[in-house]
Amino acid sequence: MVMAMMGTEKLVYVLLVHAFYGAWCSSVGGSLHCEYSNLASLHRPHSVSITEFGAVGDGVTLNTKAFQNALFYLNSFSDKGGAKLFVPAGQWLTGSFDLISHLTLWLDKGATILGSENWPVVDPLPSYGRGRELPGRRHRSLIYGQNLTDVVITGENGTIDGQGSVWWDWFRNGELNYTRPHLVELMNSTGLIISNLTFLNSPFWNIHPVYCRNVVVKNLTILAPLESPNTDGVDPDSSTNVCIEDCYIVTGDDLVSIKSGWDEYGISYARPSSKIKINRLTGQTTSSSGIAIGSEMSGGVSEIYIKDLHLFNSNTGIRIKTSPGRGGYVRNVHILNVKLDNVKKAIRFTGKYGEHPDEKFDPKALPAIEKITFENVNGDGIGVAGLLEGIEGDEFKNICFLNVTLRVKKNSKKSPWECSNVRGYSQWVSPEITCDSLKESIFPEHRSDCFGLSENNLEISSGLSRSPWLLSW
């Protein structure tokens, strides 16, 4: 037993779990709330330190066997209240290891898990049919688990560092045989918390819950160089009841990307992403988007609630990506209270994203994109307010803009709004939307066509003459 886990560490842990009380996602009164009820995680009766299994935190010694052996031992307590693996201060070099159910992986202050260069290869996800960037199999994530229940990865702001630069070089030089690994991937699992940590330099996506439900990602800092390839922050994939809150993310790709499978494989697997809440997210990406949906969305995406997003010095604010051949749907998305500073493209829809897993996709499998609401969006130093490109013969419909003020740079030579194959409604938008298919007012006749409008703006709508800069949020 580890006495060091008492005192400050125990207090932080108790406060952490109390902070998550009420943290799973559920629909109440037309909006999404986070509720946490897994109080069993408040106390793990069995605790060990990684040092008890011979691990050495010098940043050089490879500790893969120590992690594997510790978790094999702790698995014997999974039906006895669960267990905690304590990682003290130090640099703990390791390859990939599997988590177990009813586990807390705790990284203490000053603790860093370092990823080695040799990670095993596993089969592709059934909803993708192949590795995301290369045909065939894929490298397994550094921290991995499948078919798990009640897993907490947390600590006192410890760090998980994928040391991804070597992987980025291999990718750029075409030297990889398999798709790069994530830092954390949990599959077919339920009751997951990832919190109070810093993630650095992932080889590929940072956090990838796939085929999961009841997931909380909270109080994370996720960092990678702005030029690092495909280092997405958090990518919920074919997962339900997901809360992503209070995170700071600066990476080389999308900060958060919601996915649900790729073309015919995602259509066949038919596992949607739904009931996802993203709240109080701040960050930067010079290559990609603050929030993206897709482009892999063939299993469907719905009931997405995004609130209090702040993006700065970035390429794109919010983007929906899809393509003929994807099939699936994106519907019932509400985006509220967005602040954009120096962002090239505030809002973007891409209907012909391309990128198919193979030649077997059906080009007649068209996605349904509908009921997407942007409400209370404010931006300064914007290049283009909206670049909205649907699919010919497959209009994106019921796209709504309410109380949107995007101050476009004076030297911008582009039209602030460019639209094709998109239809919807707008109210209190500046600069004024010039697309005929979006000019019709929301109030009073089309409020029911716009998903998730806030009560505040519904009350204000009775005036109908308010200017967007007079509305506060």
Protein backbone atom coordinates (compact mmCIF):
# COMPACT_ATOMS: atom_id res chain seq x y z
CA MET A 1 0.00 0.00 0.00
CA VAL A 2 1.15 3.53 -0.70
CA MET A 3 0.87 6.00 2.15
CA ALA A 4 1.83 8.80 -0.22
CA MET A 5 -1.61 8.58 -1.73
CA MET A 6 -3.10 10.02 1.45
CA GLY A 7 -3.15 13.70 2.36
CA THR A 8 -3.16 16.15 -0.53
CA GLU A 9 -3.61 13.51 -3.21
CA LYS A 10 -6.63 12.02 -1.48
CA LEU A 11 -8.18 15.46 -0.98
CA VAL A 12 -7.71 16.35 -4.64
CA TYR A 13 -9.24 13.03 -5.65
CA VAL A 14 -12.29 13.50 -3.44
CA LEU A 15 -12.78 17.03 -4.80
CA LEU A 16 -12.35 15.73 -8.33
CA VAL A 17 -15.07 13.11 -8.02
CA HIS A 18 -17.41 15.55 -6.28
CA ALA A 19 -16.83 17.94 -9.17
CA PHE A 20 -18.04 15.23 -11.53
CA TYR A 21 -21.18 14.55 -9.56
CA GLY A 22 -23.86 15.20 -12.13
CA ALA A 23 -21.58 14.75 -15.15
CA TRP A 24 -23.12 12.26 -17.58
CA CYS A 25 -25.10 13.64 -20.51
CA SER A 26 -28.86 13.51 -20.45
CA SER A 27 -31.59 15.47 -22.18
CA VAL A 28 -33.62 17.62 -19.84
CA GLY A 29 -35.99 20.33 -20.99
CA GLY A 30 -34.65 20.38 -24.54
CA SER A 31 -30.99 20.87 -23.67
CA LEU A 32 -28.16 18.63 -22.58
CA HIS A 33 -26.97 18.40 -19.00
CA CYS A 34 -24.09 16.44 -17.52
CA GLU A 35 -24.91 14.11 -14.68
CA TYR A 36 -22.52 11.84 -12.87
CA SER A 37 -23.81 9.01 -10.71
CA ASN A 38 -20.88 6.58 -10.46
CA LEU A 39 -20.05 7.21 -6.81
CA ALA A 40 -18.12 3.94 -6.61
CA SER A 41 -15.20 5.86 -8.13
CA LEU A 42 -15.02 8.05 -5.03
CA HIS A 43 -12.93 5.44 -3.24
CA ARG A 44 -10.80 2.59 -4.55
CA PRO A 45 -10.05 0.20 -1.68
CA HIS A 46 -6.87 -1.21 -3.28
CA SER A 47 -3.93 0.98 -4.30
CA VAL A 48 -0.40 0.28 -5.51
CA SER A 49 2.43 2.37 -6.90
CA ILE A 50 4.05 1.58 -10.23
CA THR A 51 7.39 1.49 -8.38
CA GLU A 52 6.28 -1.66 -6.57
CA PHE A 53 6.56 -3.44 -9.92
CA GLY A 54 10.09 -2.35 -10.64
CA ALA A 55 9.38 0.79 -12.66
CA VAL A 56 12.13 3.41 -12.79
CA GLY A 57 11.19 7.01 -13.52
CA ASP A 58 14.43 8.15 -15.12
CA GLY A 59 13.04 8.75 -18.63
CA VAL A 60 15.34 6.06 -20.03
CA THR A 61 14.33 2.73 -18.50
CA LEU A 62 11.51 1.06 -20.44
CA ASN A 63 8.66 0.33 -18.01
CA THR A 64 6.15 -1.42 -20.27
CA LYS A 65 6.35 -4.69 -18.31
CA ALA A 66 5.93 -2.85 -15.02
CA PHE A 67 2.68 -1.23 -16.20
CA GLN A 68 1.41 -4.49 -17.66
CA ASN A 69 2.24 -6.47 -14.52
CA ALA A 70 0.74 -3.87 -12.20
CA LEU A 71 -2.52 -3.87 -14.12
CA PHE A 72 -2.58 -7.67 -14.28
CA TYR A 73 -2.25 -7.72 -10.48
CA LEU A 74 -4.90 -5.02 -9.94
CA ASN A 75 -7.37 -6.87 -12.15
CA SER A 76 -7.87 -9.33 -9.29
CA PHE A 77 -9.56 -6.49 -7.36
CA SER A 78 -11.96 -5.44 -10.11
CA ASP A 79 -14.83 -7.25 -8.38
CA LYS A 80 -13.72 -6.09 -4.92
CA GLY A 81 -14.36 -2.37 -5.25
CA GLY A 82 -11.74 -1.64 -7.88
CA ALA A 83 -8.17 -0.40 -7.63
CA LYS A 84 -5.86 2.54 -8.16
CA LEU A 85 -2.49 2.57 -9.91
CA PHE A 86 -0.42 5.45 -8.57
CA VAL A 87 2.26 6.99 -10.79
CA PRO A 88 4.53 9.27 -8.71
CA ALA A 89 6.69 12.15 -9.91
CA GLY A 90 9.22 11.07 -12.51
CA GLN A 91 9.63 10.33 -16.22
CA TRP A 92 8.08 6.92 -16.89
CA LEU A 93 8.98 5.62 -20.35
CA THR A 94 6.64 2.90 -21.59
CA GLY A 95 5.13 1.22 -24.60
CA SER A 96 1.44 0.50 -25.03
CA PHE A 97 -0.50 -1.02 -22.11
CA ASP A 98 -4.10 -2.16 -21.50
CA LEU A 99 -6.33 -0.72 -18.81
CA ILE A 100 -8.82 -2.78 -16.78
CA SER A 101 -12.30 -2.16 -15.43
CA HIS A 102 -12.93 -0.41 -12.11
CA LEU A 103 -9.57 1.32 -12.28
CA THR A 104 -8.16 4.74 -11.47
CA LEU A 105 -4.88 5.56 -13.19
CA TRP A 106 -3.51 8.45 -11.12
CA LEU A 107 -0.62 10.62 -12.31
CA ASP A 108 0.73 12.61 -9.41
CA LYS A 109 2.15 16.13 -9.64
CA GLY A 110 5.39 15.96 -11.62
CA ALA A 111 4.59 12.54 -13.10
CA THR A 112 5.02 12.09 -16.86
CA ILE A 113 4.21 8.97 -18.84
CA LEU A 114 6.46 8.99 -21.92
CA GLY A 115 5.55 6.99 -25.01
CA SER A 116 8.28 4.85 -26.51
CA GLU A 117 8.67 4.38 -30.27
CA ASN A 118 7.55 0.74 -30.54
CA TRP A 119 3.80 0.28 -30.23
CA PRO A 120 2.00 -2.89 -31.38
CA VAL A 121 -0.29 -3.19 -34.40
CA VAL A 122 -4.00 -4.05 -34.18
CA ASP A 123 -6.89 -4.60 -36.59
CA PRO A 124 -8.66 -1.60 -38.10
CA LEU A 125 -11.91 -0.36 -36.58
CA PRO A 126 -14.91 -2.10 -38.17
CA SER A 127 -16.57 1.27 -38.86
CA TYR A 128 -13.51 2.39 -40.86
CA GLY A 129 -12.56 -0.82 -42.65
CA ARG A 130 -8.86 0.11 -42.69
CA GLY A 131 -6.40 2.38 -40.96
CA ARG A 132 -7.40 6.03 -41.24
CA GLU A 133 -4.31 7.12 -43.15
CA LEU A 134 -3.02 3.85 -44.61
CA PRO A 135 -4.76 0.65 -45.77
CA GLY A 136 -4.64 -2.34 -43.46
CA ARG A 137 -3.93 -2.41 -39.75
CA ARG A 138 -3.01 0.40 -37.36
CA HIS A 139 -0.74 1.04 -34.40
CA ARG A 140 -2.43 0.63 -31.03
CA SER A 141 -2.67 3.63 -28.70
CA LEU A 142 -0.26 4.21 -25.83
CA ILE A 143 -3.03 3.80 -23.24
CA TYR A 144 -5.63 1.35 -24.51
CA GLY A 145 -8.69 -0.52 -23.34
CA GLN A 146 -11.76 -2.28 -24.66
CA ASN A 147 -14.96 -3.67 -23.13
CA LEU A 148 -14.30 -1.79 -19.90
CA THR A 149 -16.52 -0.29 -17.23
CA ASP A 150 -15.71 2.47 -14.72
CA VAL A 151 -12.28 3.78 -15.74
CA VAL A 152 -10.75 7.03 -14.48
CA ILE A 153 -7.55 8.53 -15.91
CA THR A 154 -6.70 11.54 -13.80
CA GLY A 155 -4.27 13.03 -11.32
CA GLU A 156 -2.75 16.20 -9.98
CA ASN A 157 -1.99 17.65 -13.41
CA GLY A 158 0.38 14.89 -14.43
CA THR A 159 1.41 14.59 -18.08
CA ILE A 160 1.06 12.03 -20.85
CA ASP A 161 3.64 12.76 -23.55
CA GLY A 162 3.51 10.75 -26.78
CA GLN A 163 6.88 12.06 -27.98
CA GLY A 164 5.25 12.27 -31.38
CA SER A 165 7.93 14.08 -33.38
CA VAL A 166 9.48 10.85 -34.64
CA TRP A 167 6.04 9.64 -35.80
CA TRP A 168 5.38 12.95 -37.56
CA ASP A 169 8.69 12.63 -39.40
CA TRP A 170 7.94 9.05 -40.41
CA PHE A 171 4.52 10.18 -41.68
CA ARG A 172 5.89 13.13 -43.66
CA ASN A 173 8.63 10.98 -45.18
CA GLY A 174 6.25 8.16 -46.15
CA GLU A 175 8.08 5.67 -43.93
CA LEU A 176 5.07 4.22 -42.09
CA ASN A 177 3.47 0.87 -42.87
CA TYR A 178 0.48 1.39 -40.58
CA THR A 179 -1.66 4.28 -39.33
CA ARG A 180 -0.14 6.21 -36.45
CA PRO A 181 -1.30 5.59 -32.85
CA HIS A 182 -3.39 7.77 -30.55
CA LEU A 183 -2.38 8.63 -27.00
CA VAL A 184 -5.57 7.21 -25.44
CA GLU A 185 -8.11 4.98 -27.18
CA LEU A 186 -10.93 3.28 -25.28
CA MET A 187 -13.32 1.01 -27.21
CA ASN A 188 -16.73 -0.43 -26.38
CA SER A 189 -16.50 0.93 -22.86
CA THR A 190 -18.77 2.80 -20.47
CA GLY A 191 -18.30 5.06 -17.46
CA LEU A 192 -15.09 6.86 -18.42
CA ILE A 193 -13.44 9.94 -16.93
CA ILE A 194 -10.31 11.61 -18.30
CA SER A 195 -9.43 14.74 -16.35
CA ASN A 196 -6.90 17.02 -14.68
CA LEU A 197 -4.01 16.10 -16.98
CA THR A 198 -1.80 17.54 -19.69
CA PHE A 199 -1.44 15.70 -23.00
CA LEU A 200 1.58 16.48 -25.16
CA ASN A 201 2.83 15.58 -28.63
CA SER A 202 0.49 12.80 -29.65
CA PRO A 203 1.61 10.84 -32.72
CA PHE A 204 -1.94 11.09 -34.10
CA TRP A 205 -5.26 11.94 -32.38
CA ASN A 206 -4.92 12.55 -28.63
CA ILE A 207 -8.07 11.09 -27.06
CA HIS A 208 -10.32 8.72 -28.99
CA PRO A 209 -13.35 7.17 -27.25
CA VAL A 210 -14.92 4.90 -29.87
CA TYR A 211 -18.12 2.84 -29.46
CA CYS A 212 -18.33 4.21 -25.89
CA ARG A 213 -21.01 5.74 -23.71
CA ASN A 214 -21.01 7.88 -20.57
CA VAL A 215 -17.72 9.67 -21.13
CA VAL A 216 -16.41 12.76 -19.32
CA VAL A 217 -13.36 14.66 -20.60
CA LYS A 218 -12.71 17.61 -18.31
CA ASN A 219 -10.01 20.03 -17.19
CA LEU A 220 -7.41 18.97 -19.75
CA THR A 221 -4.60 20.84 -21.44
CA ILE A 222 -3.78 19.30 -24.83
CA LEU A 223 -0.77 20.65 -26.70
CA ALA A 224 1.09 19.83 -29.91
CA PRO A 225 2.99 22.03 -32.36
CA LEU A 226 0.67 23.92 -34.69
CA GLU A 227 2.36 22.28 -37.67
CA SER A 228 2.14 18.71 -36.30
CA PRO A 229 0.03 16.50 -38.60
CA ASN A 230 -3.42 15.27 -37.52
CA THR A 231 -2.94 15.81 -33.78
CA ASP A 232 -6.66 16.25 -33.05
CA GLY A 233 -7.49 17.00 -29.43
CA VAL A 234 -10.59 14.94 -28.55
CA ASP A 235 -12.41 12.80 -31.14
CA PRO A 236 -15.59 11.13 -29.82
CA ASP A 237 -16.41 8.47 -32.40
CA SER A 238 -19.64 6.45 -32.59
CA SER A 239 -20.14 7.32 -28.92
CA THR A 240 -23.11 8.48 -26.84
CA ASN A 241 -23.45 10.63 -23.72
CA VAL A 242 -20.14 12.47 -23.93
CA CYS A 243 -19.21 15.61 -22.02
CA ILE A 244 -16.12 17.62 -22.99
CA GLU A 245 -15.67 20.59 -20.69
CA ASP A 246 -13.16 23.16 -19.46
CA CYS A 247 -10.33 22.23 -21.81
CA TYR A 248 -7.51 24.25 -23.38
CA ILE A 249 -6.34 22.75 -26.68
CA VAL A 250 -3.66 23.93 -29.11
CA THR A 251 -2.80 21.36 -31.79
CA GLY A 252 -2.05 20.77 -35.45
CA ASP A 253 -5.60 19.75 -36.38
CA ASP A 254 -9.20 19.96 -35.10
CA LEU A 255 -9.49 20.70 -31.39
CA VAL A 256 -12.58 18.48 -31.16
CA SER A 257 -13.85 16.34 -34.04
CA ILE A 258 -17.06 14.32 -33.76
CA LYS A 259 -17.04 11.18 -35.93
CA SER A 260 -19.07 8.02 -36.57
CA GLY A 261 -17.44 5.84 -39.20
CA TRP A 262 -16.25 6.09 -42.78
CA ASP A 263 -18.35 5.52 -45.91
CA GLU A 264 -19.72 2.01 -46.49
CA TYR A 265 -18.05 0.68 -43.34
CA GLY A 266 -19.64 3.32 -41.11
CA ILE A 267 -23.01 2.89 -42.83
CA SER A 268 -22.89 -0.87 -42.25
CA TYR A 269 -21.67 -0.66 -38.66
CA ALA A 270 -24.38 1.91 -37.90
CA ARG A 271 -23.10 3.28 -34.59
CA PRO A 272 -24.01 6.98 -34.33
CA SER A 273 -22.51 9.68 -32.15
CA SER A 274 -25.22 11.40 -30.14
CA LYS A 275 -25.89 13.41 -26.99
CA ILE A 276 -22.52 15.16 -26.94
CA LYS A 277 -21.92 18.32 -24.94
CA ILE A 278 -18.88 20.55 -25.51
CA ASN A 279 -18.66 23.38 -23.02
CA ARG A 280 -16.07 26.06 -22.21
CA LEU A 281 -13.43 25.12 -24.75
CA THR A 282 -10.55 27.49 -25.56
CA GLY A 283 -7.83 26.95 -28.12
CA GLN A 284 -6.01 27.50 -31.38
CA THR A 285 -5.42 25.62 -34.62
CA THR A 286 -3.83 27.27 -37.63
CA SER A 287 -4.59 24.37 -39.99
CA SER A 288 -8.06 23.18 -39.06
CA SER A 289 -11.16 23.86 -36.93
CA GLY A 290 -12.07 24.56 -33.35
CA ILE A 291 -15.02 22.18 -33.62
CA ALA A 292 -15.47 19.80 -36.55
CA ILE A 293 -18.17 17.28 -37.32
CA GLY A 294 -16.91 14.68 -39.78
CA SER A 295 -15.73 14.09 -42.25
CA GLU A 296 -16.21 10.49 -41.06
CA MET A 297 -19.89 10.70 -40.06
CA SER A 298 -21.46 7.76 -41.89
CA GLY A 299 -23.04 6.25 -38.78
CA GLY A 300 -24.84 9.51 -38.05
CA VAL A 301 -24.31 12.45 -35.67
CA SER A 302 -27.11 14.09 -33.68
CA GLU A 303 -27.99 16.01 -30.51
CA ILE A 304 -24.78 18.00 -30.29
CA TYR A 305 -24.61 20.96 -27.90
CA ILE A 306 -21.66 23.33 -28.11
CA LYS A 307 -21.46 26.29 -25.74
CA ASP A 308 -18.86 28.89 -24.77
CA LEU A 309 -16.21 28.26 -27.41
CA HIS A 310 -13.29 30.71 -27.67
CA LEU A 311 -10.96 30.32 -30.61
CA PHE A 312 -8.07 32.61 -31.48
CA ASN A 313 -5.50 33.02 -34.29
CA SER A 314 -6.95 30.05 -36.14
CA ASN A 315 -8.00 28.78 -39.53
CA THR A 316 -11.65 27.84 -39.04
CA GLY A 317 -14.11 28.24 -36.19
CA ILE A 318 -16.74 25.55 -36.74
CA ARG A 319 -16.85 23.16 -39.68
CA ILE A 320 -19.09 20.37 -40.92
CA LYS A 321 -17.31 18.05 -43.37
CA THR A 322 -18.94 15.38 -45.49
CA SER A 323 -19.06 14.01 -49.02
CA PRO A 324 -21.12 11.95 -51.46
CA GLY A 325 -20.49 8.35 -50.42
CA ARG A 326 -20.63 9.10 -46.70
CA GLY A 327 -24.34 8.56 -46.23
CA GLY A 328 -25.39 9.05 -42.63
CA TYR A 329 -26.65 12.33 -41.20
CA VAL A 330 -25.74 15.36 -39.11
CA ARG A 331 -28.80 16.83 -37.43
CA ASN A 332 -29.92 18.64 -34.30
CA VAL A 333 -26.78 20.63 -33.59
CA HIS A 334 -26.91 23.75 -31.41
CA ILE A 335 -23.90 26.06 -31.19
CA LEU A 336 -24.23 28.84 -28.59
CA ASN A 337 -21.94 31.63 -27.36
CA VAL A 338 -18.92 31.54 -29.61
CA LYS A 339 -16.06 34.07 -29.52
CA LEU A 340 -13.67 34.13 -32.47
CA ASP A 341 -10.55 36.31 -32.60
CA ASN A 342 -8.49 36.51 -35.79
CA VAL A 343 -10.03 33.49 -37.47
CA LYS A 344 -9.81 33.09 -41.26
CA LYS A 345 -13.14 31.31 -41.78
CA ALA A 346 -15.71 31.61 -39.01
CA ILE A 347 -18.22 28.98 -40.20
CA ARG A 348 -17.62 26.44 -42.92
CA PHE A 349 -19.61 23.61 -44.52
CA THR A 350 -17.79 21.31 -46.94
CA GLY A 351 -20.04 19.01 -48.95
CA LYS A 352 -17.35 17.49 -51.16
CA TYR A 353 -14.58 16.70 -48.73
CA GLY A 354 -13.59 13.50 -50.52
CA GLU A 355 -11.17 11.03 -48.87
CA HIS A 356 -12.67 7.55 -49.20
CA PRO A 357 -11.36 4.32 -47.64
CA ASP A 358 -11.43 2.47 -50.97
CA GLU A 359 -13.26 2.34 -54.28
CA LYS A 360 -16.20 0.36 -52.87
CA PHE A 361 -18.09 3.39 -51.56
CA ASP A 362 -21.47 4.22 -53.10
CA PRO A 363 -21.41 7.75 -54.57
CA LYS A 364 -25.21 7.79 -54.37
CA ALA A 365 -25.05 7.46 -50.55
CA LEU A 366 -25.73 11.11 -49.75
CA PRO A 367 -25.60 12.55 -46.23
CA ALA A 368 -28.54 14.39 -44.64
CA ILE A 369 -27.39 17.65 -43.04
CA GLU A 370 -30.19 19.49 -41.27
CA LYS A 371 -31.24 21.53 -38.25
CA ILE A 372 -27.91 23.19 -37.46
CA THR A 373 -28.27 26.36 -35.35
CA PHE A 374 -25.62 29.02 -34.74
CA GLU A 375 -26.67 31.38 -31.95
CA ASN A 376 -24.80 34.25 -30.27
CA VAL A 377 -21.61 34.12 -32.34
CA ASN A 378 -19.23 37.05 -32.10
CA GLY A 379 -15.98 37.52 -34.00
CA ASP A 380 -13.24 40.10 -34.61
CA GLY A 381 -10.60 40.00 -37.32
CA ILE A 382 -12.54 37.50 -39.43
CA GLY A 383 -11.48 36.67 -42.97
CA VAL A 384 -14.73 35.11 -44.23
CA ALA A 385 -17.91 34.97 -42.17
CA GLY A 386 -19.36 31.89 -43.84
CA LEU A 387 -18.19 29.52 -46.55
CA LEU A 388 -21.18 27.22 -46.88
CA GLU A 389 -20.99 24.56 -49.57
CA GLY A 390 -23.62 21.83 -49.62
CA ILE A 391 -24.09 19.08 -52.21
CA GLU A 392 -25.95 19.57 -55.47
CA GLY A 393 -29.20 17.64 -55.28
CA ASP A 394 -28.74 17.18 -51.53
CA GLU A 395 -29.29 20.58 -49.92
CA PHE A 396 -28.22 21.19 -46.35
CA LYS A 397 -31.47 22.46 -44.82
CA ASN A 398 -32.83 24.27 -41.80
CA ILE A 399 -29.49 25.97 -41.19
CA CYS A 400 -30.16 28.85 -38.80
CA PHE A 401 -28.15 31.91 -37.79
CA LEU A 402 -29.38 34.01 -34.86
CA ASN A 403 -27.56 36.96 -33.32
CA VAL A 404 -24.34 36.51 -35.27
CA THR A 405 -21.85 39.41 -35.51
CA LEU A 406 -18.63 38.73 -37.39
CA ARG A 407 -16.45 41.77 -37.98
CA VAL A 408 -14.67 40.97 -41.23
CA LYS A 409 -11.23 42.46 -41.86
CA LYS A 410 -11.44 45.65 -43.90
CA ASN A 411 -8.78 44.47 -46.33
CA SER A 412 -10.59 41.22 -47.09
CA LYS A 413 -11.27 40.91 -50.84
CA LYS A 414 -13.70 38.00 -50.46
CA SER A 415 -17.45 38.17 -50.04
CA PRO A 416 -18.25 37.70 -46.32
CA TRP A 417 -20.80 34.98 -47.14
CA GLU A 418 -20.51 32.40 -49.90
CA CYS A 419 -23.26 29.79 -50.17
CA SER A 420 -24.34 26.96 -52.43
CA ASN A 421 -26.88 24.17 -51.89
CA VAL A 422 -27.66 25.37 -48.38
CA ARG A 423 -31.07 26.55 -47.18
CA GLY A 424 -32.28 28.02 -43.91
CA TYR A 425 -33.07 31.17 -41.95
CA SER A 426 -31.31 34.09 -40.32
CA GLN A 427 -32.01 36.92 -37.90
CA TRP A 428 -29.83 39.69 -36.47
CA VAL A 429 -26.78 38.80 -38.54
CA SER A 430 -23.92 41.16 -39.41
CA PRO A 431 -22.57 41.37 -42.01
CA GLU A 432 -25.93 40.64 -43.58
CA ILE A 433 -26.18 37.25 -45.21
CA THR A 434 -26.31 37.83 -48.96
CA CYS A 435 -27.38 34.31 -49.89
CA ASP A 436 -31.04 34.28 -50.96
CA SER A 437 -31.53 30.77 -49.57
CA LEU A 438 -30.68 31.96 -46.03
CA LYS A 439 -32.27 35.42 -46.00
CA GLU A 440 -35.72 34.47 -44.71
CA SER A 441 -36.26 35.49 -41.07
CA ILE A 442 -36.48 32.97 -38.25
CA PHE A 443 -39.25 34.76 -36.34
CA PRO A 444 -42.09 34.36 -36.13
CA GLU A 445 -42.82 31.61 -38.65
CA HIS A 446 -39.69 29.44 -38.62
CA ARG A 447 -38.61 29.17 -35.02
CA SER A 448 -39.64 25.49 -34.97
CA ASP A 449 -37.36 24.83 -37.95
CA CYS A 450 -34.32 25.96 -35.95
CA PHE A 451 -32.96 23.48 -33.43
CA GLY A 452 -32.46 24.41 -29.80
CA LEU A 453 -33.05 28.18 -29.74
CA SER A 454 -32.30 29.62 -26.29
CA GLU A 455 -35.12 30.98 -24.14
CA ASN A 456 -33.35 34.35 -23.91
CA ASN A 457 -33.48 34.94 -27.65
CA LEU A 458 -37.00 33.57 -27.88
CA GLU A 459 -38.10 36.23 -25.40
CA ILE A 460 -36.20 38.97 -27.23
CA SER A 461 -37.72 37.84 -30.53
CA SER A 462 -40.95 39.60 -29.64
CA GLY A 463 -39.18 42.88 -30.48
CA LEU A 464 -37.95 41.65 -33.87
CA SER A 465 -36.05 44.89 -34.54
CA ARG A 466 -33.06 44.44 -32.28
CA SER A 467 -29.64 44.68 -33.80
CA PRO A 468 -27.18 41.86 -33.07
CA TRP A 469 -24.69 44.10 -31.27
CA LEU A 470 -27.39 45.08 -28.77
CA LEU A 471 -27.82 41.49 -27.63
CA SER A 472 -25.57 40.39 -24.83
CA TRP A 473 -24.36 36.93 -23.79
